[in-house]
Amino acid sequence: MTNTSSNTPKKNQGAADETPGPMAVLREARTQLAELTGMVAESVSSFERTEDGWTLEIEVLELARVPDTMSLIASYQVDLDPQGALTGYRRIRRYERGRSDAHRSGGR
C-alpha cells in the first residue's frame, strides 16, 4: 500500500503540470467562443503560443446573406491561458465574405 500512495501524488502532480496540445486548444477555443457569442466558428486564421498562454484569430459568420459572398464575417481575437481556458475575446474586424482584405502588416 505504501507504493500505491506514493505513486498517486506523482500522477496527480504530473496531470496538473500538463498543458493541452495545439489541436486541443484550438478545439476548446472554438467551442468556448461559440458558447459566449452564439456564433459558430468557421475557421482559425491565426494561432500562436504566447507568454501568457495562447492567442488565436477566429473567423465567425455574423450575418448570413444571399448570395453567400455577401454574408458578413467577423474576426475575433481570442486569448486563452496555458491550459486553454478562454480569458478574453474581442472583434477585430468585420467584412463581407466575398471581399479580400487590403494588405495589413503582421500577416493579418
Protein backbone atom coordinates (compact mmCIF):
# COMPACT_ATOMS: atom_id res chain seq x y z
CA MET A 1 0.00 0.00 0.00
CA THR A 2 2.86 2.39 0.64
CA ASN A 3 3.92 2.14 -3.03
CA THR A 4 0.42 2.93 -4.26
CA SER A 5 0.01 6.06 -2.13
CA SER A 6 3.48 7.36 -3.04
CA ASN A 7 2.70 6.95 -6.77
CA THR A 8 -0.65 8.72 -6.63
CA PRO A 9 0.66 12.22 -5.82
CA LYS A 10 3.18 11.97 -8.66
CA LYS A 11 0.43 11.10 -11.14
CA ASN A 12 -1.81 13.93 -9.93
CA GLN A 13 1.04 16.40 -9.90
CA GLY A 14 2.06 15.39 -13.44
CA ALA A 15 -1.51 15.79 -14.70
CA ALA A 16 -1.71 19.30 -13.23
CA ASP A 17 1.55 20.29 -14.94
CA GLU A 18 0.46 19.02 -18.36
CA THR A 19 -0.75 21.60 -20.84
CA PRO A 20 -3.02 20.71 -23.74
CA GLY A 21 -1.58 20.39 -27.22
CA PRO A 22 -2.31 22.87 -30.00
CA MET A 23 -5.22 20.91 -31.51
CA ALA A 24 -6.95 20.57 -28.14
CA VAL A 25 -6.51 24.31 -27.51
CA LEU A 26 -7.88 25.10 -30.97
CA ARG A 27 -10.99 22.97 -30.49
CA GLU A 28 -11.61 24.33 -27.00
CA ALA A 29 -11.23 27.96 -28.14
CA ARG A 30 -13.78 27.47 -30.92
CA THR A 31 -16.22 25.81 -28.52
CA GLN A 32 -15.86 28.49 -25.84
CA LEU A 33 -16.24 31.37 -28.32
CA ALA A 34 -19.37 29.77 -29.78
CA GLU A 35 -20.89 29.38 -26.30
CA LEU A 36 -20.21 33.03 -25.43
CA THR A 37 -21.26 34.64 -28.71
CA GLY A 38 -23.85 32.21 -30.07
CA MET A 39 -21.95 32.17 -33.38
CA VAL A 40 -20.23 29.16 -34.88
CA ALA A 41 -16.54 29.46 -35.71
CA GLU A 42 -15.87 28.85 -39.40
CA SER A 43 -12.09 28.81 -39.29
CA VAL A 44 -8.99 29.72 -37.33
CA SER A 45 -6.83 32.11 -39.32
CA SER A 46 -4.10 32.72 -36.75
CA PHE A 47 -2.75 30.69 -33.83
CA GLU A 48 0.25 31.31 -31.58
CA ARG A 49 1.64 30.43 -28.18
CA THR A 50 2.39 33.46 -26.01
CA GLU A 51 4.00 34.02 -22.61
CA ASP A 52 0.51 34.17 -21.09
CA GLY A 53 -0.98 31.18 -22.94
CA TRP A 54 -2.41 31.26 -26.47
CA THR A 55 -3.77 33.85 -28.91
CA LEU A 56 -5.99 32.90 -31.83
CA GLU A 57 -7.85 34.74 -34.55
CA ILE A 58 -11.15 33.00 -35.28
CA GLU A 59 -13.49 33.78 -38.18
CA VAL A 60 -17.23 33.54 -37.49
CA LEU A 61 -20.35 34.07 -39.58
CA GLU A 62 -22.12 37.10 -38.09
CA LEU A 63 -24.84 37.67 -40.65
CA ALA A 64 -25.91 35.27 -43.41
CA ARG A 65 -26.95 36.91 -46.67
CA VAL A 66 -27.92 35.82 -50.17
CA PRO A 67 -25.76 35.37 -52.10
CA ASP A 68 -23.35 33.84 -49.59
CA THR A 69 -20.50 36.03 -50.85
CA MET A 70 -22.32 39.00 -49.26
CA SER A 71 -22.52 37.35 -45.80
CA LEU A 72 -20.78 39.24 -43.00
CA ILE A 73 -17.80 37.51 -41.43
CA ALA A 74 -16.06 38.74 -38.28
CA SER A 75 -12.56 38.05 -37.00
CA TYR A 76 -12.23 37.65 -33.26
CA GLN A 77 -9.01 37.70 -31.29
CA VAL A 78 -9.31 35.05 -28.61
CA ASP A 79 -6.90 34.83 -25.67
CA LEU A 80 -6.52 31.68 -23.60
CA ASP A 81 -4.49 30.75 -20.55
CA PRO A 82 -1.83 27.98 -20.79
CA GLN A 83 -4.46 25.30 -20.01
CA GLY A 84 -6.74 26.51 -22.83
CA ALA A 85 -9.39 28.38 -20.80
CA LEU A 86 -10.68 31.50 -22.53
CA THR A 87 -9.56 34.67 -20.74
CA GLY A 88 -10.86 37.23 -23.22
CA TYR A 89 -12.01 37.93 -26.76
CA ARG A 90 -12.73 40.91 -28.97
CA ARG A 91 -13.92 41.51 -32.51
CA ILE A 92 -11.06 42.97 -34.51
CA ARG A 93 -12.70 43.32 -37.93
CA ARG A 94 -15.85 42.65 -39.91
CA TYR A 95 -16.05 42.11 -43.66
CA GLU A 96 -18.15 40.65 -46.47
CA ARG A 97 -17.22 37.06 -47.30
CA GLY A 98 -16.62 37.85 -50.97
CA ARG A 99 -14.16 40.70 -50.35
CA SER A 100 -10.46 40.33 -49.77
CA ASP A 101 -8.67 42.37 -47.12
CA ALA A 102 -6.24 45.09 -48.06
CA HIS A 103 -2.73 44.07 -47.05
CA ARG A 104 -2.17 44.56 -43.33
CA SER A 105 1.14 44.43 -41.52
CA GLY A 106 1.89 41.31 -39.50
CA GLY A 107 0.21 38.98 -41.97
CA ARG A 108 -3.28 39.75 -40.68
